[in-house]
Amino acid sequence: MKTLKYFWAYLNRIDPNSLLVEMIFAIFYFVLCYLSTLSHYRYDKLQDELSAEKVKQAWVLYEEHKASGAR
């Protein structure tokens, strides 16, 4: 918390129209956007398992079709 207090004190000393303030705002904005979209791209184990199950089912059907000799 103390670090955050020093950070805000540092920001108060900077000219609000400076490039540094714009860059800090851009970094915060990027981090906010990145964190807000993490849930959309997270690894979903259940979905991966369901996909693997469908591949297994398709392989079984292929093997049955191949064994029946049908073309």
C-alpha atoms as a PDB file:
ATOM      1  CA  MET A   1       0.000   0.000   0.000  1.00  0.00           C
ATOM      2  CA  LYS A   2       2.875   2.317   0.787  1.00  0.00           C
ATOM      3  CA  THR A   3       4.266   1.808  -2.706  1.00  0.00           C
ATOM      4  CA  LEU A   4       0.935   2.782  -4.216  1.00  0.00           C
ATOM      5  CA  LYS A   5       0.923   5.955  -2.132  1.00  0.00           C
ATOM      6  CA  TYR A   6       4.391   6.865  -3.444  1.00  0.00           C
ATOM      7  CA  PHE A   7       3.292   6.086  -6.982  1.00  0.00           C
ATOM      8  CA  TRP A   8       0.281   8.427  -6.765  1.00  0.00           C
ATOM      9  CA  ALA A   9       2.464  11.119  -5.205  1.00  0.00           C
ATOM     10  CA  TYR A  10       4.848  10.733  -8.141  1.00  0.00           C
ATOM     11  CA  LEU A  11       1.974  11.028 -10.617  1.00  0.00           C
ATOM     12  CA  ASN A  12       0.771  14.225  -8.935  1.00  0.00           C
ATOM     13  CA  ARG A  13       4.171  15.849  -9.587  1.00  0.00           C
ATOM     14  CA  ILE A  14       4.039  15.128 -13.332  1.00  0.00           C
ATOM     15  CA  ASP A  15       2.511  17.539 -15.816  1.00  0.00           C
ATOM     16  CA  PRO A  16      -0.871  16.007 -16.778  1.00  0.00           C
ATOM     17  CA  ASN A  17      -0.292  16.748 -20.455  1.00  0.00           C
ATOM     18  CA  SER A  18       3.087  15.037 -20.637  1.00  0.00           C
ATOM     19  CA  LEU A  19       3.872  12.009 -22.737  1.00  0.00           C
ATOM     20  CA  LEU A  20       4.803   9.996 -19.645  1.00  0.00           C
ATOM     21  CA  VAL A  21       1.297  10.309 -18.210  1.00  0.00           C
ATOM     22  CA  GLU A  22      -0.204   9.220 -21.513  1.00  0.00           C
ATOM     23  CA  MET A  23       2.115   6.212 -21.625  1.00  0.00           C
ATOM     24  CA  ILE A  24       1.240   5.211 -18.052  1.00  0.00           C
ATOM     25  CA  PHE A  25      -2.457   5.526 -18.859  1.00  0.00           C
ATOM     26  CA  ALA A  26      -1.960   3.434 -22.009  1.00  0.00           C
ATOM     27  CA  ILE A  27      -0.210   0.709 -20.024  1.00  0.00           C
ATOM     28  CA  PHE A  28      -2.989   0.658 -17.422  1.00  0.00           C
ATOM     29  CA  TYR A  29      -5.592   0.549 -20.175  1.00  0.00           C
ATOM     30  CA  PHE A  30      -3.812  -2.338 -21.922  1.00  0.00           C
ATOM     31  CA  VAL A  31      -3.561  -4.287 -18.659  1.00  0.00           C
ATOM     32  CA  LEU A  32      -7.246  -3.676 -17.949  1.00  0.00           C
ATOM     33  CA  CYS A  33      -8.261  -4.885 -21.417  1.00  0.00           C
ATOM     34  CA  TYR A  34      -5.952  -7.896 -21.169  1.00  0.00           C
ATOM     35  CA  LEU A  35      -7.297  -8.919 -17.767  1.00  0.00           C
ATOM     36  CA  SER A  36     -10.902  -8.459 -18.851  1.00  0.00           C
ATOM     37  CA  THR A  37     -10.453 -10.835 -21.811  1.00  0.00           C
ATOM     38  CA  LEU A  38      -8.522 -13.573 -19.992  1.00  0.00           C
ATOM     39  CA  SER A  39     -11.681 -15.476 -19.159  1.00  0.00           C
ATOM     40  CA  HIS A  40     -12.530 -15.749 -22.865  1.00  0.00           C
ATOM     41  CA  TYR A  41      -9.258 -17.430 -23.783  1.00  0.00           C
ATOM     42  CA  ARG A  42      -8.567 -19.592 -20.751  1.00  0.00           C
ATOM     43  CA  TYR A  43      -7.862 -23.282 -21.188  1.00  0.00           C
ATOM     44  CA  ASP A  44     -11.079 -25.191 -20.637  1.00  0.00           C
ATOM     45  CA  LYS A  45     -10.336 -28.751 -19.510  1.00  0.00           C
ATOM     46  CA  LEU A  46     -13.957 -29.919 -19.793  1.00  0.00           C
ATOM     47  CA  GLN A  47     -14.209 -28.737 -23.397  1.00  0.00           C
ATOM     48  CA  ASP A  48     -10.929 -30.487 -24.201  1.00  0.00           C
ATOM     49  CA  GLU A  49     -12.209 -33.740 -22.659  1.00  0.00           C
ATOM     50  CA  LEU A  50     -15.471 -33.536 -24.607  1.00  0.00           C
ATOM     51  CA  SER A  51     -13.541 -32.927 -27.810  1.00  0.00           C
ATOM     52  CA  ALA A  52     -11.316 -35.938 -27.127  1.00  0.00           C
ATOM     53  CA  GLU A  53     -14.418 -38.053 -26.470  1.00  0.00           C
ATOM     54  CA  LYS A  54     -15.899 -37.036 -29.838  1.00  0.00           C
ATOM     55  CA  VAL A  55     -12.646 -37.964 -31.581  1.00  0.00           C
ATOM     56  CA  LYS A  56     -12.768 -41.388 -29.926  1.00  0.00           C
ATOM     57  CA  GLN A  57     -16.399 -41.885 -31.004  1.00  0.00           C
ATOM     58  CA  ALA A  58     -15.567 -40.892 -34.578  1.00  0.00           C
ATOM     59  CA  TRP A  59     -12.613 -43.283 -34.615  1.00  0.00           C
ATOM     60  CA  VAL A  60     -14.822 -46.160 -33.374  1.00  0.00           C
ATOM     61  CA  LEU A  61     -17.375 -45.432 -36.112  1.00  0.00           C
ATOM     62  CA  TYR A  62     -14.587 -45.338 -38.699  1.00  0.00           C
ATOM     63  CA  GLU A  63     -13.208 -48.672 -37.509  1.00  0.00           C
ATOM     64  CA  GLU A  64     -16.699 -50.230 -37.629  1.00  0.00           C
ATOM     65  CA  HIS A  65     -17.233 -48.873 -41.130  1.00  0.00           C
ATOM     66  CA  LYS A  66     -13.829 -50.123 -42.242  1.00  0.00           C
ATOM     67  CA  ALA A  67     -14.465 -53.572 -40.704  1.00  0.00           C
ATOM     68  CA  SER A  68     -17.817 -53.911 -42.458  1.00  0.00           C
ATOM     69  CA  GLY A  69     -16.065 -53.586 -45.821  1.00  0.00           C
ATOM     70  CA  ALA A  70     -18.457 -50.900 -47.050  1.00  0.00           C
ATOM     71  CA  ARG A  71     -17.141 -48.313 -49.453  1.00  0.00           C
END
